[in-house]
Each structure stands twice: as C-alpha cells, then as structure tokens.
C-alpha cells in the first residue's frame, strides 16, 4: 500500500509491518524557492563560516525564527554544497559553431570538474543536442555558477540538470 501525502514530497510505503519513508529530491532554480528557505541556507552558511557562533545569532542576522531554521535545516541545501563526489548529467542545445563545444568543455575544466561522458547529436538545422556527465570533485568550484557561465555563452541554449547521483 502506498499513501501519498499531497502536501509534501514524502511517500510512505508499507512493507509488511514496516512503514518506511522515502524522500524525493527536486532541483529548482533560486527564483522558485520561498524566501524563508533561502534565509535558512544563508543562516547555515553563516554558521559554517563561523561568522556567528550560535544558531540564535545566525537566525537573527537573516531575519527568521529558530523554529523555521530547525524545521527546514535538514531539507534545504545549496546544490554545490552536497554535490562533492557525485555525478551530474546535464543536457542542452547549442549552435553548430566551430569551437563552441571546446569553450563549454573549458568552462567545466576551469571549475575543476571531471567530464565522464560526452554525447553530441548530429546537428539539425544548425542546432546540436548535447549530454554531459560530470563528476563533481572536492576541488570543484560552485556548480551553479559553472552552469550559469555555460548557459551565458553565445550559442548555448537551455542548460538543464537531468540527474544527480
């Protein structure tokens, strides 16, 4: 028996007598995240950077209650913070221009990520689809910025994360 709670992303699966909880994860852009969750991320960042010593100081600095912090602290994190040692797969379309793929790959190299696979379709009407699997290493920089920089390149369209393992 599966019971879905429509108010959350949790699913409860009954396995004999045991009831276990599975969690679904979503990748969303910053503009889709409620302000309170962004403030929880900022409070966590302040605590990790040791700019503040107590949770009370952190929540006061960002303007949320301690109860909000405790309610969401384990459910929200910046994508790059928990991505070390994982693999992300991204897809995007790009114009069929000499050197553009090289520029995209250089961006990934500049952020010290490891490219595992590359698949580029044959261009149709001057547009090629590309899929990359990228290993995030300990020395890898900010993944969000890397993806933004890729998408900002002239000729690159719709960079989308399709999986994170």
Protein backbone atom coordinates (compact mmCIF):
# COMPACT_ATOMS: atom_id res chain seq x y z
CA UNK A 1 0.00 0.00 0.00
CA UNK A 2 1.32 3.42 -0.91
CA UNK A 3 -0.10 6.52 0.70
CA UNK A 4 0.83 9.83 -0.83
CA UNK A 5 0.66 12.99 1.17
CA UNK A 6 -0.18 15.69 -1.38
CA UNK A 7 1.14 18.44 0.91
CA UNK A 8 4.71 17.14 0.91
CA UNK A 9 7.21 15.22 -1.15
CA UNK A 10 7.25 12.25 1.19
CA UNK A 11 5.87 8.88 0.21
CA UNK A 12 5.09 6.17 2.73
CA UNK A 13 5.47 2.60 1.59
CA UNK A 14 4.03 -0.20 3.67
CA UNK A 15 6.22 -3.28 3.52
CA UNK A 16 4.57 -5.90 5.67
CA UNK A 17 4.52 -4.46 9.19
CA UNK A 18 7.23 -1.91 8.47
CA UNK A 19 6.39 1.57 7.28
CA UNK A 20 9.33 3.25 5.64
CA UNK A 21 9.64 6.75 4.33
CA UNK A 22 11.24 7.57 1.01
CA UNK A 23 12.18 11.08 0.01
CA UNK A 24 12.09 12.60 -3.45
CA UNK A 25 14.54 15.33 -4.38
CA UNK A 26 13.95 18.19 -6.77
CA UNK A 27 16.33 20.61 -8.41
CA UNK A 28 14.78 24.06 -8.72
CA UNK A 29 16.14 27.46 -9.58
CA UNK A 30 16.57 30.07 -6.86
CA UNK A 31 13.59 32.11 -8.05
CA UNK A 32 11.29 29.15 -7.29
CA UNK A 33 12.45 28.80 -3.67
CA UNK A 34 10.45 30.57 -0.93
CA UNK A 35 12.34 33.35 0.87
CA UNK A 36 12.32 31.56 4.23
CA UNK A 37 14.24 28.64 2.71
CA UNK A 38 16.81 30.96 1.19
CA UNK A 39 17.26 32.52 4.63
CA UNK A 40 17.80 29.07 6.15
CA UNK A 41 20.58 28.48 3.60
CA UNK A 42 22.13 31.82 4.50
CA UNK A 43 21.95 31.05 8.23
CA UNK A 44 23.64 27.69 7.64
CA UNK A 45 26.35 29.44 5.60
CA UNK A 46 26.96 31.91 8.43
CA UNK A 47 27.31 29.07 10.93
CA UNK A 48 29.66 27.10 8.66
CA UNK A 49 31.84 30.15 8.03
CA UNK A 50 31.99 30.76 11.80
CA UNK A 51 30.94 34.38 11.33
CA UNK A 52 28.39 33.68 14.04
CA UNK A 53 28.74 31.18 16.85
CA UNK A 54 25.16 30.36 17.76
CA UNK A 55 22.04 29.43 15.85
CA UNK A 56 20.25 32.33 17.53
CA UNK A 57 22.84 34.77 16.15
CA UNK A 58 22.50 33.26 12.67
CA UNK A 59 18.70 33.42 12.57
CA UNK A 60 18.73 36.96 13.97
CA UNK A 61 21.19 38.00 11.24
CA UNK A 62 18.98 36.67 8.43
CA UNK A 63 15.62 37.54 9.98
CA UNK A 64 13.92 34.19 10.60
CA UNK A 65 12.78 32.36 13.71
CA UNK A 66 14.69 29.50 15.28
CA UNK A 67 11.69 27.26 14.69
CA UNK A 68 11.84 27.98 10.95
CA UNK A 69 15.53 27.19 10.94
CA UNK A 70 15.07 23.87 12.74
CA UNK A 71 12.04 22.98 10.62
CA UNK A 72 13.91 23.30 7.31
CA UNK A 73 17.64 22.99 8.09
CA UNK A 74 17.85 19.34 7.01
CA UNK A 75 15.64 19.79 3.96
CA UNK A 76 17.37 22.62 2.08
CA UNK A 77 20.94 22.95 0.89
CA UNK A 78 22.76 24.68 -1.90
CA UNK A 79 23.29 22.35 -4.80
CA UNK A 80 27.07 22.65 -4.81
CA UNK A 81 27.39 22.09 -1.07
CA UNK A 82 26.27 18.46 -1.20
CA UNK A 83 27.41 17.60 -4.68
CA UNK A 84 31.04 16.62 -3.97
CA UNK A 85 31.81 13.07 -5.06
CA UNK A 86 28.67 12.85 -7.14
CA UNK A 87 27.91 12.83 -10.83
CA UNK A 88 25.53 15.22 -12.53
CA UNK A 89 24.15 14.78 -16.02
CA UNK A 90 23.23 17.88 -17.94
CA UNK A 91 21.65 18.40 -21.33
CA UNK A 92 21.48 21.44 -23.53
CA UNK A 93 21.30 22.55 -27.12
CA UNK A 94 23.99 24.51 -28.85
CA UNK A 95 24.55 26.15 -32.18
CA UNK A 96 26.73 24.23 -34.63
CA UNK A 97 29.67 26.62 -34.49
CA UNK A 98 33.37 25.71 -34.59
CA UNK A 99 34.96 25.94 -31.14
CA UNK A 100 31.73 26.20 -29.13
CA UNK A 101 31.96 22.68 -27.68
CA UNK A 102 35.58 23.36 -26.79
CA UNK A 103 34.51 26.53 -24.95
CA UNK A 104 31.88 24.61 -22.96
CA UNK A 105 34.39 21.91 -22.02
CA UNK A 106 36.93 24.57 -21.00
CA UNK A 107 34.35 26.08 -18.63
CA UNK A 108 33.95 22.69 -16.95
CA UNK A 109 37.73 22.30 -16.74
CA UNK A 110 38.07 25.81 -15.27
CA UNK A 111 35.76 24.73 -12.41
CA UNK A 112 37.89 21.59 -11.85
CA UNK A 113 35.11 19.12 -12.58
CA UNK A 114 35.79 15.82 -14.35
CA UNK A 115 33.98 15.08 -17.61
CA UNK A 116 32.91 11.42 -17.67
CA UNK A 117 30.83 11.22 -20.86
CA UNK A 118 30.01 13.43 -23.80
CA UNK A 119 27.27 12.73 -26.31
CA UNK A 120 26.54 15.19 -29.09
CA UNK A 121 23.87 14.61 -31.68
CA UNK A 122 24.34 15.35 -35.35
CA UNK A 123 23.28 18.98 -35.83
CA UNK A 124 19.87 19.52 -37.39
CA UNK A 125 19.07 22.98 -38.73
CA UNK A 126 22.31 24.24 -37.18
CA UNK A 127 21.46 23.06 -33.62
CA UNK A 128 23.01 20.07 -31.82
CA UNK A 129 21.82 18.43 -28.61
CA UNK A 130 24.49 17.66 -26.06
CA UNK A 131 24.52 15.48 -22.96
CA UNK A 132 27.38 15.55 -20.46
CA UNK A 133 28.03 13.50 -17.34
CA UNK A 134 30.25 15.45 -14.98
CA UNK A 135 31.91 14.18 -11.81
CA UNK A 136 31.99 16.76 -9.04
CA UNK A 137 35.28 16.61 -7.18
CA UNK A 138 36.36 18.05 -3.84
CA UNK A 139 38.18 20.88 -5.63
CA UNK A 140 35.25 21.65 -7.97
CA UNK A 141 34.02 25.23 -7.71
CA UNK A 142 30.45 26.49 -7.45
CA UNK A 143 28.34 24.25 -9.71
CA UNK A 144 25.54 26.79 -10.06
CA UNK A 145 27.98 29.39 -11.35
CA UNK A 146 29.54 26.88 -13.72
CA UNK A 147 26.15 26.09 -15.25
CA UNK A 148 25.28 29.80 -15.48
CA UNK A 149 28.58 30.50 -17.20
CA UNK A 150 27.93 27.69 -19.68
CA UNK A 151 24.44 28.98 -20.46
CA UNK A 152 25.73 32.55 -20.83
CA UNK A 153 27.99 31.51 -23.68
CA UNK A 154 26.74 32.72 -27.04
CA UNK A 155 25.23 29.78 -28.88
CA UNK A 156 24.39 27.64 -25.82
CA UNK A 157 20.68 27.15 -25.08
CA UNK A 158 18.72 25.66 -22.15
CA UNK A 159 21.28 24.06 -19.80
CA UNK A 160 19.29 21.58 -17.71
CA UNK A 161 20.37 19.21 -14.92
CA UNK A 162 18.63 15.90 -15.65
CA UNK A 163 20.13 13.82 -12.86
CA UNK A 164 22.36 13.87 -9.81
CA UNK A 165 23.77 10.60 -8.48
